[in-house]
Amino acid sequence: MKITSLLSTTALAAALVFAGCTKQEQQKVGASVKDAYEDTKAAAARTWDKAKAATWDKRGEVTESAKALGARMDAQLSELRANYSEAKASASRKTAMDEVKRDEADYKQKLDALGTATADTWDAAKRNVIAAWDKLEASYRKARAD
């Protein structure tokens, strides 16, 4: 939970600072956000590597790690949405943002299912949440690129 609090605080601080910054200062904040994304990406890789091998007995740890990644992504998506204007967006950008929204909802649904998985459904629930994360991460990268 410390990571989640830190990222939420960082995202909020970045948003508050960004509003009153010069262009140069905004670029520094943007670089910081990019670094946060790279940190999240690395943490996700470690989390999913551990999750793939995790047994039913480790379900609590896997679920908490997946929730922490979701919270980190929430902070990044908040920043993405803050810089998005539907009125000014291209058709491809609108499509990318819609895809992020769908993939975010799917990840949260799969995460809920992971938390309620039984011993018999555990392996399938892990695979589903990992696949949902991969889709969310890909759509996030696409939306950032547009």
C-alpha atoms as a PDB file:
ATOM      1  CA  MET A   1       0.000   0.000   0.000  1.00  0.00           C
ATOM      2  CA  LYS A   2       2.966   2.361   0.472  1.00  0.00           C
ATOM      3  CA  ILE A   3       3.623   2.283  -3.275  1.00  0.00           C
ATOM      4  CA  THR A   4       0.003   3.145  -3.998  1.00  0.00           C
ATOM      5  CA  SER A   5       0.072   6.098  -1.593  1.00  0.00           C
ATOM      6  CA  LEU A   6       3.353   7.349  -3.005  1.00  0.00           C
ATOM      7  CA  LEU A   7       2.119   7.178  -6.597  1.00  0.00           C
ATOM      8  CA  SER A   8      -1.199   8.801  -5.781  1.00  0.00           C
ATOM      9  CA  THR A   9       0.598  11.601  -3.975  1.00  0.00           C
ATOM     10  CA  THR A  10       3.069  11.958  -6.838  1.00  0.00           C
ATOM     11  CA  ALA A  11       0.300  12.112  -9.432  1.00  0.00           C
ATOM     12  CA  LEU A  12      -1.613  14.705  -7.422  1.00  0.00           C
ATOM     13  CA  ALA A  13       1.501  16.812  -6.879  1.00  0.00           C
ATOM     14  CA  ALA A  14       2.355  16.587 -10.563  1.00  0.00           C
ATOM     15  CA  ALA A  15      -1.136  17.717 -11.533  1.00  0.00           C
ATOM     16  CA  LEU A  16      -1.055  20.653  -9.120  1.00  0.00           C
ATOM     17  CA  VAL A  17       2.429  21.732 -10.126  1.00  0.00           C
ATOM     18  CA  PHE A  18       1.772  21.200 -13.829  1.00  0.00           C
ATOM     19  CA  ALA A  19      -0.981  23.805 -13.901  1.00  0.00           C
ATOM     20  CA  GLY A  20       1.321  26.650 -12.850  1.00  0.00           C
ATOM     21  CA  CYS A  21       4.513  25.561 -14.592  1.00  0.00           C
ATOM     22  CA  THR A  22       6.500  27.003 -17.426  1.00  0.00           C
ATOM     23  CA  LYS A  23       6.884  24.869 -20.539  1.00  0.00           C
ATOM     24  CA  GLN A  24      10.339  23.734 -19.374  1.00  0.00           C
ATOM     25  CA  GLU A  25       8.992  22.741 -15.963  1.00  0.00           C
ATOM     26  CA  GLN A  26       6.121  20.869 -17.628  1.00  0.00           C
ATOM     27  CA  GLN A  27       8.661  18.885 -19.657  1.00  0.00           C
ATOM     28  CA  LYS A  28      10.437  17.886 -16.443  1.00  0.00           C
ATOM     29  CA  VAL A  29       7.129  16.743 -14.939  1.00  0.00           C
ATOM     30  CA  GLY A  30       6.410  14.807 -18.138  1.00  0.00           C
ATOM     31  CA  ALA A  31       9.775  13.065 -17.832  1.00  0.00           C
ATOM     32  CA  SER A  32       8.936  12.190 -14.235  1.00  0.00           C
ATOM     33  CA  VAL A  33       5.621  10.665 -15.335  1.00  0.00           C
ATOM     34  CA  LYS A  34       7.466   8.647 -17.987  1.00  0.00           C
ATOM     35  CA  ASP A  35       9.842   7.376 -15.302  1.00  0.00           C
ATOM     36  CA  ALA A  36       6.848   6.393 -13.147  1.00  0.00           C
ATOM     37  CA  TYR A  37       5.442   4.438 -16.086  1.00  0.00           C
ATOM     38  CA  GLU A  38       8.742   2.608 -16.574  1.00  0.00           C
ATOM     39  CA  ASP A  39       8.801   1.785 -12.853  1.00  0.00           C
ATOM     40  CA  THR A  40       5.263   0.422 -13.098  1.00  0.00           C
ATOM     41  CA  LYS A  41       6.180  -1.620 -16.140  1.00  0.00           C
ATOM     42  CA  ALA A  42       9.128  -3.205 -14.321  1.00  0.00           C
ATOM     43  CA  ALA A  43       7.031  -3.863 -11.210  1.00  0.00           C
ATOM     44  CA  ALA A  44       4.357  -5.493 -13.358  1.00  0.00           C
ATOM     45  CA  ALA A  45       6.880  -7.820 -14.961  1.00  0.00           C
ATOM     46  CA  ARG A  46       8.117  -8.915 -11.540  1.00  0.00           C
ATOM     47  CA  THR A  47       4.575  -9.298 -10.214  1.00  0.00           C
ATOM     48  CA  TRP A  48       3.376 -11.421 -13.116  1.00  0.00           C
ATOM     49  CA  ASP A  49       6.513 -13.576 -13.103  1.00  0.00           C
ATOM     50  CA  LYS A  50       5.829 -14.394  -9.453  1.00  0.00           C
ATOM     51  CA  ALA A  51       2.091 -14.799 -10.049  1.00  0.00           C
ATOM     52  CA  LYS A  52       2.543 -17.374 -12.803  1.00  0.00           C
ATOM     53  CA  ALA A  53       4.239 -19.740 -10.379  1.00  0.00           C
ATOM     54  CA  ALA A  54       2.131 -18.827  -7.340  1.00  0.00           C
ATOM     55  CA  THR A  55       0.052 -21.567  -5.817  1.00  0.00           C
ATOM     56  CA  TRP A  56      -3.383 -21.237  -4.255  1.00  0.00           C
ATOM     57  CA  ASP A  57      -1.666 -20.732  -0.870  1.00  0.00           C
ATOM     58  CA  LYS A  58      -0.088 -17.492  -2.160  1.00  0.00           C
ATOM     59  CA  ARG A  59      -3.364 -16.044  -3.506  1.00  0.00           C
ATOM     60  CA  GLY A  60      -3.433 -13.188  -1.003  1.00  0.00           C
ATOM     61  CA  GLU A  61       0.011 -11.954  -2.016  1.00  0.00           C
ATOM     62  CA  VAL A  62      -0.778 -12.214  -5.723  1.00  0.00           C
ATOM     63  CA  THR A  63      -4.087 -10.408  -5.320  1.00  0.00           C
ATOM     64  CA  GLU A  64      -2.514  -7.595  -3.286  1.00  0.00           C
ATOM     65  CA  SER A  65       0.300  -7.173  -5.812  1.00  0.00           C
ATOM     66  CA  ALA A  66      -2.216  -7.055  -8.672  1.00  0.00           C
ATOM     67  CA  LYS A  67      -4.271  -4.454  -6.783  1.00  0.00           C
ATOM     68  CA  ALA A  68      -1.144  -2.342  -6.212  1.00  0.00           C
ATOM     69  CA  LEU A  69      -0.373  -2.451  -9.941  1.00  0.00           C
ATOM     70  CA  GLY A  70      -3.949  -1.443 -10.651  1.00  0.00           C
ATOM     71  CA  ALA A  71      -3.593   1.530  -8.313  1.00  0.00           C
ATOM     72  CA  ARG A  72      -0.376   2.588 -10.051  1.00  0.00           C
ATOM     73  CA  MET A  73      -2.106   2.350 -13.413  1.00  0.00           C
ATOM     74  CA  ASP A  74      -5.043   4.367 -12.043  1.00  0.00           C
ATOM     75  CA  ALA A  75      -2.628   7.210 -11.257  1.00  0.00           C
ATOM     76  CA  GLN A  76      -1.166   7.035 -14.760  1.00  0.00           C
ATOM     77  CA  LEU A  77      -4.613   6.924 -16.341  1.00  0.00           C
ATOM     78  CA  SER A  78      -5.657   9.956 -14.305  1.00  0.00           C
ATOM     79  CA  GLU A  79      -2.728  11.883 -15.740  1.00  0.00           C
ATOM     80  CA  LEU A  80      -3.562  10.659 -19.247  1.00  0.00           C
ATOM     81  CA  ARG A  81      -7.188  11.718 -18.900  1.00  0.00           C
ATOM     82  CA  ALA A  82      -6.216  15.091 -17.444  1.00  0.00           C
ATOM     83  CA  ASN A  83      -4.339  15.877 -20.654  1.00  0.00           C
ATOM     84  CA  TYR A  84      -7.122  14.605 -22.917  1.00  0.00           C
ATOM     85  CA  SER A  85      -9.675  16.839 -24.549  1.00  0.00           C
ATOM     86  CA  GLU A  86     -12.349  14.947 -26.460  1.00  0.00           C
ATOM     87  CA  ALA A  87     -13.289  18.091 -28.342  1.00  0.00           C
ATOM     88  CA  LYS A  88      -9.736  18.453 -29.686  1.00  0.00           C
ATOM     89  CA  ALA A  89      -8.944  14.753 -30.057  1.00  0.00           C
ATOM     90  CA  SER A  90      -8.475  12.996 -33.375  1.00  0.00           C
ATOM     91  CA  ALA A  91     -10.612  10.002 -34.252  1.00  0.00           C
ATOM     92  CA  SER A  92      -7.703   7.635 -33.508  1.00  0.00           C
ATOM     93  CA  ARG A  93      -7.110   9.282 -30.133  1.00  0.00           C
ATOM     94  CA  LYS A  94     -10.801   8.924 -29.227  1.00  0.00           C
ATOM     95  CA  THR A  95     -10.677   5.265 -30.226  1.00  0.00           C
ATOM     96  CA  ALA A  96      -7.526   4.727 -28.150  1.00  0.00           C
ATOM     97  CA  MET A  97      -9.099   6.363 -25.099  1.00  0.00           C
ATOM     98  CA  ASP A  98     -12.243   4.238 -25.491  1.00  0.00           C
ATOM     99  CA  GLU A  99     -10.040   1.141 -25.684  1.00  0.00           C
ATOM    100  CA  VAL A 100      -8.242   2.145 -22.478  1.00  0.00           C
ATOM    101  CA  LYS A 101     -11.590   2.579 -20.742  1.00  0.00           C
ATOM    102  CA  ARG A 102     -12.791  -0.880 -21.843  1.00  0.00           C
ATOM    103  CA  ASP A 103      -9.492  -2.551 -20.939  1.00  0.00           C
ATOM    104  CA  GLU A 104      -9.419  -0.847 -17.544  1.00  0.00           C
ATOM    105  CA  ALA A 105     -12.923  -2.143 -16.768  1.00  0.00           C
ATOM    106  CA  ASP A 106     -11.931  -5.627 -17.944  1.00  0.00           C
ATOM    107  CA  TYR A 107      -8.807  -5.634 -15.745  1.00  0.00           C
ATOM    108  CA  LYS A 108     -10.824  -4.573 -12.705  1.00  0.00           C
ATOM    109  CA  GLN A 109     -13.391  -7.302 -13.394  1.00  0.00           C
ATOM    110  CA  LYS A 110     -10.666  -9.937 -13.765  1.00  0.00           C
ATOM    111  CA  LEU A 111      -8.981  -8.639 -10.608  1.00  0.00           C
ATOM    112  CA  ASP A 112     -12.256  -9.041  -8.701  1.00  0.00           C
ATOM    113  CA  ALA A 113     -12.530 -12.592 -10.059  1.00  0.00           C
ATOM    114  CA  LEU A 114      -8.964 -13.293  -8.928  1.00  0.00           C
ATOM    115  CA  GLY A 115      -9.888 -12.249  -5.408  1.00  0.00           C
ATOM    116  CA  THR A 116     -12.845 -14.631  -5.340  1.00  0.00           C
ATOM    117  CA  ALA A 117     -11.201 -17.550  -7.146  1.00  0.00           C
ATOM    118  CA  THR A 118     -11.422 -21.004  -5.657  1.00  0.00           C
ATOM    119  CA  ALA A 119      -8.642 -23.575  -5.605  1.00  0.00           C
ATOM    120  CA  ASP A 120     -10.166 -25.083  -8.762  1.00  0.00           C
ATOM    121  CA  THR A 121     -10.370 -21.755 -10.638  1.00  0.00           C
ATOM    122  CA  TRP A 122      -7.126 -20.219  -9.367  1.00  0.00           C
ATOM    123  CA  ASP A 123      -4.899 -20.970 -12.359  1.00  0.00           C
ATOM    124  CA  ALA A 124      -7.495 -19.728 -14.871  1.00  0.00           C
ATOM    125  CA  ALA A 125      -8.106 -16.582 -12.818  1.00  0.00           C
ATOM    126  CA  LYS A 126      -4.356 -15.842 -12.764  1.00  0.00           C
ATOM    127  CA  ARG A 127      -4.078 -16.279 -16.529  1.00  0.00           C
ATOM    128  CA  ASN A 128      -7.136 -14.064 -17.068  1.00  0.00           C
ATOM    129  CA  VAL A 129      -5.863 -11.211 -14.901  1.00  0.00           C
ATOM    130  CA  ILE A 130      -2.416 -11.342 -16.525  1.00  0.00           C
ATOM    131  CA  ALA A 131      -3.968 -11.258 -20.005  1.00  0.00           C
ATOM    132  CA  ALA A 132      -6.240  -8.367 -18.977  1.00  0.00           C
ATOM    133  CA  TRP A 133      -3.215  -6.465 -17.623  1.00  0.00           C
ATOM    134  CA  ASP A 134      -1.311  -6.997 -20.855  1.00  0.00           C
ATOM    135  CA  LYS A 135      -4.243  -5.584 -22.847  1.00  0.00           C
ATOM    136  CA  LEU A 136      -4.584  -2.606 -20.495  1.00  0.00           C
ATOM    137  CA  GLU A 137      -0.890  -1.835 -20.637  1.00  0.00           C
ATOM    138  CA  ALA A 138      -0.886  -2.050 -24.449  1.00  0.00           C
ATOM    139  CA  SER A 139      -3.914   0.217 -24.799  1.00  0.00           C
ATOM    140  CA  TYR A 140      -2.378   2.687 -22.335  1.00  0.00           C
ATOM    141  CA  ARG A 141       0.831   2.844 -24.398  1.00  0.00           C
ATOM    142  CA  LYS A 142      -1.222   3.336 -27.563  1.00  0.00           C
ATOM    143  CA  ALA A 143      -3.278   6.142 -26.009  1.00  0.00           C
ATOM    144  CA  ARG A 144      -0.132   7.883 -24.778  1.00  0.00           C
ATOM    145  CA  ALA A 145       1.407   7.657 -28.247  1.00  0.00           C
ATOM    146  CA  ASP A 146      -1.577   9.219 -30.053  1.00  0.00           C
END
